[in-house]
């Protein structure tokens, strides 16, 4: 990666791990994203990456047994959507939804916790030159984490299926499983975050492995894989992405029901109403 050689002598003077350039470029969003960065931004990114690598190489990750032992120490289960459970302290009062809510209303008023991550992922996909379907898939893929975290690829795909293309639905449904399986050719490596979340000795269950094998041989494998490649696990906090940057994309590619999401009698309307009114006791 010669574009870094003259800009960043940091690696030559710090006792840090040797740089895996392929993984580093992938972490920044690919060669296109790197080419758009200034020399200073490249230098800062490299220093941060090397320091993070050093931290990860010396860090002790929990085991599956460690995480199991923590279950009874929390007032909530980790698979619950964050809209429904306070992670620290009590939940907050929610602003009222409009009568015929649009997708953007849900994003601004209910799906706020995963929103920045999804905006950053869509922004990266757009910088990498992906088409509208894949940018939309990246924008939507994790929004339903507000409702349900466990099995979220399937929850997400089900919620969006009536309103987006079949390709977008496929990419969203299977991205969650592909995250557990590196693909060096595509520029995707197993995220260190998962060693923290699932345990360093975690092995995906048989049904997940079977799904991966099926998707790996599917003609649309590249669609789901593209979501994982652009699924940022850390991002530059100085980069500000606004929902307004994608409203035109949503308008062209999301079939917004005139009655409002949750009130169009679709098979998934109840899921949207659950997000709209998470304080309903029954």
Protein backbone atom coordinates (compact mmCIF):
# COMPACT_ATOMS: atom_id res chain seq x y z
CA UNK A 1 0.00 0.00 0.00
CA UNK A 2 2.46 2.60 -1.24
CA UNK A 3 0.14 5.57 -0.59
CA UNK A 4 1.01 5.27 3.11
CA UNK A 5 4.77 4.87 2.82
CA UNK A 6 5.75 8.52 2.67
CA UNK A 7 3.06 9.81 4.99
CA UNK A 8 3.38 7.62 8.04
CA UNK A 9 6.78 6.74 9.48
CA UNK A 10 5.04 6.00 12.78
CA UNK A 11 5.26 2.24 12.37
CA UNK A 12 9.04 2.51 12.09
CA UNK A 13 9.47 4.15 15.47
CA UNK A 14 6.78 2.51 17.63
CA UNK A 15 7.10 -1.02 19.06
CA UNK A 16 3.79 -2.09 17.53
CA UNK A 17 2.69 -5.19 15.60
CA UNK A 18 3.54 -5.48 11.92
CA UNK A 19 0.85 -3.98 9.74
CA UNK A 20 -1.52 -6.31 7.91
CA UNK A 21 -2.09 -3.95 5.01
CA UNK A 22 -4.95 -5.90 3.47
CA UNK A 23 -6.89 -5.88 6.74
CA UNK A 24 -6.05 -2.21 7.33
CA UNK A 25 -7.36 -1.10 3.92
CA UNK A 26 -10.50 -3.20 4.43
CA UNK A 27 -11.06 -1.62 7.86
CA UNK A 28 -10.96 1.83 6.27
CA UNK A 29 -13.54 0.85 3.70
CA UNK A 30 -11.40 -0.32 0.81
CA UNK A 31 -8.99 1.25 -1.64
CA UNK A 32 -11.54 3.80 -2.88
CA UNK A 33 -12.09 5.18 0.61
CA UNK A 34 -8.34 5.26 1.26
CA UNK A 35 -7.71 7.20 -1.95
CA UNK A 36 -10.15 9.89 -0.79
CA UNK A 37 -8.35 10.40 2.55
CA UNK A 38 -5.86 13.19 3.17
CA UNK A 39 -2.26 12.37 4.09
CA UNK A 40 -2.91 13.49 7.67
CA UNK A 41 -6.02 11.32 7.92
CA UNK A 42 -4.07 8.31 6.63
CA UNK A 43 -1.34 8.88 9.20
CA UNK A 44 -3.84 9.21 12.04
CA UNK A 45 -5.73 6.12 10.89
CA UNK A 46 -2.55 4.08 10.69
CA UNK A 47 -1.40 5.08 14.16
CA UNK A 48 -4.81 4.27 15.62
CA UNK A 49 -4.94 0.92 13.81
CA UNK A 50 -1.50 -0.12 15.04
CA UNK A 51 -2.26 0.87 18.61
CA UNK A 52 -5.59 -0.96 18.48
CA UNK A 53 -3.77 -4.03 17.14
CA UNK A 54 -1.34 -3.92 20.04
CA UNK A 55 -4.19 -3.64 22.52
CA UNK A 56 -6.03 -6.55 20.94
CA UNK A 57 -2.92 -8.72 20.89
CA UNK A 58 -2.49 -8.37 24.66
CA UNK A 59 -6.14 -8.29 25.67
CA UNK A 60 -7.81 -11.24 27.35
CA UNK A 61 -11.19 -11.87 25.80
CA UNK A 62 -13.96 -13.61 27.76
CA UNK A 63 -14.86 -17.21 27.06
CA UNK A 64 -18.36 -18.47 26.32
CA UNK A 65 -18.50 -19.75 29.92
CA UNK A 66 -17.51 -16.30 31.24
CA UNK A 67 -20.36 -14.67 29.36
CA UNK A 68 -22.85 -17.32 30.46
CA UNK A 69 -21.91 -16.60 34.07
CA UNK A 70 -22.87 -12.94 33.58
CA UNK A 71 -26.47 -13.66 32.52
CA UNK A 72 -27.95 -13.51 36.02
CA UNK A 73 -26.06 -10.30 36.87
CA UNK A 74 -28.18 -8.05 34.59
CA UNK A 75 -31.78 -6.79 34.76
CA UNK A 76 -32.14 -7.36 31.01
CA UNK A 77 -31.21 -10.01 28.45
CA UNK A 78 -28.65 -9.15 25.82
CA UNK A 79 -30.92 -10.18 22.94
CA UNK A 80 -33.57 -7.55 23.75
CA UNK A 81 -33.79 -4.46 21.59
CA UNK A 82 -32.40 -1.38 23.33
CA UNK A 83 -35.64 0.50 22.80
CA UNK A 84 -37.25 -1.85 25.33
CA UNK A 85 -34.63 -2.03 28.08
CA UNK A 86 -32.50 0.58 29.79
CA UNK A 87 -28.85 -0.41 29.51
CA UNK A 88 -27.83 2.00 32.26
CA UNK A 89 -30.57 3.37 34.47
CA UNK A 90 -34.17 3.91 33.44
CA UNK A 91 -35.64 4.28 29.97
CA UNK A 92 -36.71 7.75 28.79
CA UNK A 93 -39.96 9.29 27.64
CA UNK A 94 -40.43 9.01 23.89
CA UNK A 95 -41.65 11.71 21.55
CA UNK A 96 -45.03 10.97 19.92
CA UNK A 97 -45.10 9.49 16.43
CA UNK A 98 -46.98 11.22 13.58
CA UNK A 99 -50.31 9.74 12.48
CA UNK A 100 -48.96 8.18 9.28
CA UNK A 101 -45.31 7.58 10.18
CA UNK A 102 -42.69 7.24 7.49
CA UNK A 103 -39.48 5.26 7.67
CA UNK A 104 -37.56 8.44 8.43
CA UNK A 105 -39.89 9.14 11.39
CA UNK A 106 -39.03 5.77 12.88
CA UNK A 107 -35.34 6.40 12.29
CA UNK A 108 -35.39 9.79 14.00
CA UNK A 109 -37.82 9.00 16.83
CA UNK A 110 -37.46 5.29 17.67
CA UNK A 111 -34.48 3.62 16.00
CA UNK A 112 -32.04 6.18 17.32
CA UNK A 113 -29.55 3.81 18.97
CA UNK A 114 -28.42 2.00 15.78
CA UNK A 115 -29.03 5.00 13.50
CA UNK A 116 -25.54 6.52 13.51
CA UNK A 117 -23.95 3.15 12.83
CA UNK A 118 -26.28 2.57 9.88
CA UNK A 119 -25.68 6.06 8.49
CA UNK A 120 -21.93 5.52 8.71
CA UNK A 121 -22.19 2.14 6.98
CA UNK A 122 -24.33 3.55 4.17
CA UNK A 123 -21.95 6.49 3.80
CA UNK A 124 -19.03 4.07 3.46
CA UNK A 125 -20.92 1.96 0.91
CA UNK A 126 -21.64 5.08 -1.13
CA UNK A 127 -17.97 6.16 -0.98
CA UNK A 128 -17.02 2.68 -2.18
CA UNK A 129 -19.19 3.17 -5.26
CA UNK A 130 -21.85 0.56 -4.46
CA UNK A 131 -25.20 0.77 -6.21
CA UNK A 132 -28.39 2.09 -4.63
CA UNK A 133 -29.65 -1.33 -3.52
CA UNK A 134 -26.50 -2.02 -1.49
CA UNK A 135 -26.32 1.49 -0.05
CA UNK A 136 -29.94 1.06 1.05
CA UNK A 137 -29.20 -2.37 2.51
CA UNK A 138 -26.36 -0.86 4.55
CA UNK A 139 -28.62 1.98 5.67
CA UNK A 140 -31.36 -0.38 6.87
CA UNK A 141 -29.50 -3.52 7.97
CA UNK A 142 -29.21 -2.90 11.73
CA UNK A 143 -32.10 -0.50 12.40
CA UNK A 144 -34.33 -3.28 13.86
CA UNK A 145 -31.77 -3.78 16.65
CA UNK A 146 -34.01 -1.29 18.43
CA UNK A 147 -36.68 -4.02 18.44
CA UNK A 148 -34.65 -7.24 18.68
CA UNK A 149 -30.94 -7.96 18.74
CA UNK A 150 -30.85 -11.75 18.60
CA UNK A 151 -31.37 -13.20 15.09
CA UNK A 152 -31.48 -9.61 13.90
CA UNK A 153 -30.69 -10.40 10.28
CA UNK A 154 -33.97 -12.30 9.96
CA UNK A 155 -35.96 -9.76 11.99
CA UNK A 156 -34.56 -6.96 9.85
CA UNK A 157 -35.28 -8.70 6.55
CA UNK A 158 -38.82 -9.54 7.61
CA UNK A 159 -39.59 -5.96 8.65
CA UNK A 160 -38.35 -4.49 5.39
CA UNK A 161 -39.37 -7.20 2.90
CA UNK A 162 -42.72 -5.62 1.84
CA UNK A 163 -41.04 -2.30 1.10
CA UNK A 164 -37.72 -3.03 -0.62
CA UNK A 165 -36.41 -5.18 -3.46
CA UNK A 166 -35.75 -8.90 -3.11
CA UNK A 167 -32.03 -8.28 -3.41
CA UNK A 168 -32.02 -5.79 -0.53
CA UNK A 169 -34.02 -8.24 1.58
CA UNK A 170 -31.55 -11.04 0.83
CA UNK A 171 -28.53 -8.90 1.70
CA UNK A 172 -30.05 -7.80 5.00
CA UNK A 173 -31.27 -11.27 5.98
CA UNK A 174 -27.94 -13.01 5.57
CA UNK A 175 -25.42 -10.33 6.53
CA UNK A 176 -25.70 -11.31 10.20
CA UNK A 177 -24.58 -14.87 9.54
CA UNK A 178 -21.78 -13.92 7.16
CA UNK A 179 -20.21 -11.76 9.89
CA UNK A 180 -18.96 -14.92 11.60
CA UNK A 181 -17.06 -16.13 8.53
CA UNK A 182 -14.02 -14.24 7.19
CA UNK A 183 -13.59 -13.72 3.47
CA UNK A 184 -10.06 -12.53 2.73
CA UNK A 185 -10.76 -12.03 -0.97
CA UNK A 186 -13.66 -9.68 -0.17
CA UNK A 187 -11.61 -7.85 2.46
CA UNK A 188 -13.57 -9.06 5.49
CA UNK A 189 -11.92 -10.42 8.63
CA UNK A 190 -13.50 -11.68 11.84
CA UNK A 191 -14.07 -8.62 14.05
CA UNK A 192 -12.29 -8.43 17.40
CA UNK A 193 -15.55 -7.09 18.83
CA UNK A 194 -17.10 -10.53 18.42
CA UNK A 195 -14.49 -12.07 20.69
CA UNK A 196 -15.78 -9.67 23.32
CA UNK A 197 -19.48 -10.22 22.58
CA UNK A 198 -19.57 -13.97 21.98
CA UNK A 199 -16.40 -15.23 23.65
CA UNK A 200 -13.01 -16.00 22.17
CA UNK A 201 -13.88 -19.71 21.91
CA UNK A 202 -17.30 -19.19 20.31
CA UNK A 203 -18.24 -21.53 17.48
CA UNK A 204 -21.34 -20.69 15.41
CA UNK A 205 -24.07 -23.33 15.89
CA UNK A 206 -24.76 -25.87 13.13
CA UNK A 207 -27.75 -24.02 11.67
CA UNK A 208 -25.64 -20.87 11.26
CA UNK A 209 -22.86 -22.84 9.58
CA UNK A 210 -25.41 -24.47 7.27
CA UNK A 211 -26.85 -21.07 6.36
CA UNK A 212 -23.37 -19.78 5.57
CA UNK A 213 -22.64 -22.70 3.26
CA UNK A 214 -25.93 -22.14 1.44
CA UNK A 215 -25.41 -18.39 1.05
CA UNK A 216 -21.77 -18.87 0.03
CA UNK A 217 -22.96 -20.77 -3.03
CA UNK A 218 -25.86 -18.45 -3.83
CA UNK A 219 -25.76 -16.12 -6.83
CA UNK A 220 -26.40 -13.18 -4.49
CA UNK A 221 -23.65 -14.02 -2.01
CA UNK A 222 -21.81 -10.84 -2.97
CA UNK A 223 -24.77 -8.69 -1.93
CA UNK A 224 -24.84 -9.97 1.65
CA UNK A 225 -21.04 -9.97 1.83
CA UNK A 226 -20.94 -6.33 0.74
CA UNK A 227 -23.04 -5.40 3.78
CA UNK A 228 -20.55 -7.08 6.12
CA UNK A 229 -17.60 -5.37 4.42
CA UNK A 230 -19.26 -1.97 4.91
CA UNK A 231 -20.65 -2.83 8.36
CA UNK A 232 -18.41 -0.54 10.40
CA UNK A 233 -17.49 -1.71 13.89
CA UNK A 234 -15.65 1.51 14.59
CA UNK A 235 -15.70 4.74 12.68
CA UNK A 236 -14.21 8.20 12.68
CA UNK A 237 -16.27 10.29 15.14
CA UNK A 238 -15.29 13.43 13.23
CA UNK A 239 -17.24 12.25 10.16
CA UNK A 240 -20.78 13.51 10.47
CA UNK A 241 -23.43 11.79 8.35
CA UNK A 242 -26.98 13.15 8.29
CA UNK A 243 -30.15 11.23 7.56
CA UNK A 244 -31.00 13.93 5.04
CA UNK A 245 -28.11 12.70 2.91
CA UNK A 246 -30.14 9.55 2.18
CA UNK A 247 -33.74 10.80 2.03
CA UNK A 248 -33.67 10.90 -1.76
CA UNK A 249 -32.35 7.33 -1.86
CA UNK A 250 -35.13 6.22 0.50
CA UNK A 251 -37.72 8.03 -1.60
CA UNK A 252 -36.64 6.20 -4.75
CA UNK A 253 -36.14 2.72 -3.33
CA UNK A 254 -38.39 2.30 -0.27
CA UNK A 255 -42.09 1.64 -0.92
CA UNK A 256 -43.56 3.87 1.77
CA UNK A 257 -47.25 2.97 2.42
CA UNK A 258 -49.54 5.98 2.32
CA UNK A 259 -51.27 4.80 5.52
CA UNK A 260 -47.96 4.87 7.36
CA UNK A 261 -45.68 2.05 8.48
CA UNK A 262 -47.62 -0.07 10.93
CA UNK A 263 -51.02 0.89 9.55
CA UNK A 264 -50.98 -0.63 6.07
CA UNK A 265 -52.19 -4.13 7.06
CA UNK A 266 -48.98 -5.69 5.81
CA UNK A 267 -47.83 -8.99 7.41
CA UNK A 268 -45.25 -7.02 9.40
CA UNK A 269 -47.39 -4.04 10.45
CA UNK A 270 -47.47 -5.29 14.05
CA UNK A 271 -43.67 -5.17 14.20
CA UNK A 272 -43.67 -1.50 13.26
CA UNK A 273 -46.44 -0.74 15.75
CA UNK A 274 -44.36 -2.45 18.44
CA UNK A 275 -41.49 -0.09 17.67
CA UNK A 276 -43.85 2.90 17.58
CA UNK A 277 -45.37 2.07 21.01
CA UNK A 278 -42.86 0.10 23.09
CA UNK A 279 -44.57 1.17 26.34
CA UNK A 280 -47.78 -0.74 25.55
CA UNK A 281 -48.05 -3.42 28.29
CA UNK A 282 -49.83 -6.03 26.14
